[in-house]
Amino acid sequence: MFDIIYIIMQYSIRVVGIYTYETGMKFLRFGKGSALSFLVAIFILGFTLLYIKLFYKEEV
């Protein structure tokens, strides 16, 4: 799926995943790429915890 989005878009839109990949691997900025990956992971973790708290109710 990654390669299809990358080929179709060709720099017209920057998805966070593609931007992180390009920063870390293409431009060899490993520190910034690592930091972006960490921030994305924290965002996904927060969203997941919020989703679980809101939509999963314990049944008695």
N, C-alpha and C. Protein backbone atom coordinates (compact mmCIF):
# COMPACT_ATOMS: atom_id res chain seq x y z
N MET A 1 0.82 -1.20 0.00
CA MET A 1 0.00 0.00 0.00
C MET A 1 0.87 1.26 0.00
N PHE A 2 1.99 1.19 0.68
CA PHE A 2 2.86 2.37 0.74
C PHE A 2 3.34 2.80 -0.63
N ASP A 3 3.77 1.84 -1.43
CA ASP A 3 4.32 2.18 -2.74
C ASP A 3 3.28 2.76 -3.68
N ILE A 4 2.02 2.33 -3.56
CA ILE A 4 0.97 2.87 -4.42
C ILE A 4 0.72 4.34 -4.10
N ILE A 5 0.62 4.66 -2.81
CA ILE A 5 0.41 6.06 -2.41
C ILE A 5 1.60 6.91 -2.83
N TYR A 6 2.80 6.38 -2.64
CA TYR A 6 4.03 7.13 -2.97
C TYR A 6 4.11 7.42 -4.47
N ILE A 7 3.77 6.45 -5.30
CA ILE A 7 3.85 6.64 -6.75
C ILE A 7 2.75 7.58 -7.24
N ILE A 8 1.54 7.44 -6.73
CA ILE A 8 0.43 8.25 -7.21
C ILE A 8 0.60 9.72 -6.80
N MET A 9 1.01 9.98 -5.60
CA MET A 9 1.04 11.35 -5.10
C MET A 9 2.22 12.17 -5.61
N GLN A 10 3.40 11.60 -5.68
CA GLN A 10 4.59 12.28 -6.20
C GLN A 10 4.73 13.73 -5.70
N TYR A 11 4.83 13.88 -4.41
CA TYR A 11 5.08 15.15 -3.74
C TYR A 11 3.92 16.13 -3.77
N SER A 12 2.75 15.74 -4.23
CA SER A 12 1.63 16.68 -4.23
C SER A 12 1.00 16.77 -2.85
N ILE A 13 1.11 15.74 -2.06
CA ILE A 13 0.59 15.76 -0.70
C ILE A 13 1.56 14.97 0.18
N ARG A 14 1.74 15.42 1.39
CA ARG A 14 2.66 14.75 2.30
C ARG A 14 1.87 14.07 3.41
N VAL A 15 1.81 12.77 3.36
CA VAL A 15 1.22 11.98 4.42
C VAL A 15 2.30 11.82 5.49
N VAL A 16 1.90 11.75 6.74
CA VAL A 16 2.86 11.71 7.84
C VAL A 16 3.83 10.53 7.69
N GLY A 17 3.33 9.39 7.29
CA GLY A 17 4.19 8.23 7.12
C GLY A 17 5.23 8.42 6.04
N ILE A 18 4.83 9.00 4.93
CA ILE A 18 5.77 9.24 3.83
C ILE A 18 6.79 10.29 4.23
N TYR A 19 6.34 11.34 4.91
CA TYR A 19 7.26 12.38 5.36
C TYR A 19 8.29 11.82 6.34
N THR A 20 7.85 10.96 7.24
CA THR A 20 8.75 10.33 8.19
C THR A 20 9.76 9.44 7.47
N TYR A 21 9.28 8.66 6.53
CA TYR A 21 10.17 7.78 5.77
C TYR A 21 11.21 8.59 5.00
N GLU A 22 10.76 9.62 4.29
CA GLU A 22 11.70 10.43 3.51
C GLU A 22 12.71 11.13 4.39
N THR A 23 12.27 11.63 5.53
CA THR A 23 13.18 12.33 6.42
C THR A 23 14.26 11.39 6.94
N GLY A 24 13.86 10.21 7.37
CA GLY A 24 14.81 9.28 7.96
C GLY A 24 15.67 8.55 6.97
N MET A 25 15.10 8.09 5.87
CA MET A 25 15.83 7.21 4.96
C MET A 25 16.35 7.92 3.71
N LYS A 26 15.56 8.77 3.13
CA LYS A 26 15.97 9.41 1.88
C LYS A 26 16.95 10.55 2.13
N PHE A 27 16.66 11.38 3.15
CA PHE A 27 17.51 12.52 3.43
C PHE A 27 18.53 12.24 4.54
N LEU A 28 18.53 11.01 5.04
CA LEU A 28 19.49 10.52 6.05
C LEU A 28 19.51 11.37 7.32
N ARG A 29 18.36 11.82 7.73
CA ARG A 29 18.21 12.53 9.01
C ARG A 29 17.57 11.56 9.99
N PHE A 30 18.40 10.66 10.50
CA PHE A 30 17.88 9.56 11.32
C PHE A 30 17.29 10.04 12.64
N GLY A 31 17.86 11.06 13.24
CA GLY A 31 17.34 11.57 14.50
C GLY A 31 15.95 12.17 14.35
N LYS A 32 15.77 12.99 13.32
CA LYS A 32 14.48 13.62 13.09
C LYS A 32 13.44 12.57 12.68
N GLY A 33 13.85 11.61 11.85
CA GLY A 33 12.94 10.54 11.45
C GLY A 33 12.51 9.70 12.63
N SER A 34 13.45 9.43 13.53
CA SER A 34 13.14 8.67 14.73
C SER A 34 12.19 9.44 15.64
N ALA A 35 12.42 10.73 15.79
CA ALA A 35 11.56 11.55 16.63
C ALA A 35 10.14 11.62 16.05
N LEU A 36 10.03 11.75 14.74
CA LEU A 36 8.71 11.78 14.10
C LEU A 36 7.99 10.45 14.30
N SER A 37 8.72 9.35 14.16
CA SER A 37 8.10 8.04 14.36
C SER A 37 7.61 7.88 15.79
N PHE A 38 8.39 8.36 16.74
CA PHE A 38 8.00 8.28 18.15
C PHE A 38 6.74 9.11 18.40
N LEU A 39 6.67 10.32 17.84
CA LEU A 39 5.50 11.17 18.03
C LEU A 39 4.25 10.56 17.41
N VAL A 40 4.40 9.95 16.25
CA VAL A 40 3.27 9.28 15.61
C VAL A 40 2.79 8.12 16.48
N ALA A 41 3.73 7.36 17.04
CA ALA A 41 3.37 6.24 17.90
C ALA A 41 2.65 6.72 19.16
N ILE A 42 3.10 7.81 19.76
CA ILE A 42 2.45 8.37 20.94
C ILE A 42 1.04 8.85 20.59
N PHE A 43 0.88 9.48 19.45
CA PHE A 43 -0.44 9.94 19.00
C PHE A 43 -1.39 8.76 18.82
N ILE A 44 -0.92 7.71 18.17
CA ILE A 44 -1.76 6.53 17.95
C ILE A 44 -2.12 5.86 19.28
N LEU A 45 -1.17 5.79 20.19
CA LEU A 45 -1.44 5.22 21.52
C LEU A 45 -2.50 6.03 22.25
N GLY A 46 -2.39 7.35 22.23
CA GLY A 46 -3.38 8.21 22.88
C GLY A 46 -4.76 8.06 22.26
N PHE A 47 -4.82 8.02 20.94
CA PHE A 47 -6.09 7.84 20.26
C PHE A 47 -6.70 6.49 20.59
N THR A 48 -5.88 5.46 20.66
CA THR A 48 -6.36 4.12 20.98
C THR A 48 -6.92 4.06 22.39
N LEU A 49 -6.21 4.64 23.34
CA LEU A 49 -6.69 4.64 24.73
C LEU A 49 -8.00 5.41 24.86
N LEU A 50 -8.11 6.53 24.16
CA LEU A 50 -9.35 7.31 24.18
C LEU A 50 -10.49 6.50 23.56
N TYR A 51 -10.23 5.83 22.47
CA TYR A 51 -11.25 5.01 21.82
C TYR A 51 -11.73 3.88 22.73
N ILE A 52 -10.78 3.22 23.36
CA ILE A 52 -11.15 2.12 24.26
C ILE A 52 -11.98 2.64 25.43
N LYS A 53 -11.59 3.77 25.98
CA LYS A 53 -12.31 4.33 27.12
C LYS A 53 -13.73 4.76 26.75
N LEU A 54 -13.90 5.31 25.57
CA LEU A 54 -15.21 5.81 25.17
C LEU A 54 -16.17 4.73 24.68
N PHE A 55 -15.65 3.73 23.97
CA PHE A 55 -16.54 2.81 23.28
C PHE A 55 -16.64 1.41 23.86
N TYR A 56 -15.75 1.06 24.75
CA TYR A 56 -15.84 -0.27 25.35
C TYR A 56 -16.35 -0.13 26.78
N LYS A 57 -17.53 -0.65 26.99
CA LYS A 57 -18.14 -0.62 28.32
C LYS A 57 -18.08 -2.02 28.91
N GLU A 58 -17.81 -2.10 30.18
CA GLU A 58 -17.77 -3.39 30.84
C GLU A 58 -19.19 -3.85 31.12
N GLU A 59 -19.51 -5.04 30.63
CA GLU A 59 -20.86 -5.58 30.81
C GLU A 59 -20.91 -6.39 32.10
N VAL A 60 -22.03 -6.24 32.80
CA VAL A 60 -22.19 -6.94 34.08
C VAL A 60 -23.09 -8.13 33.92
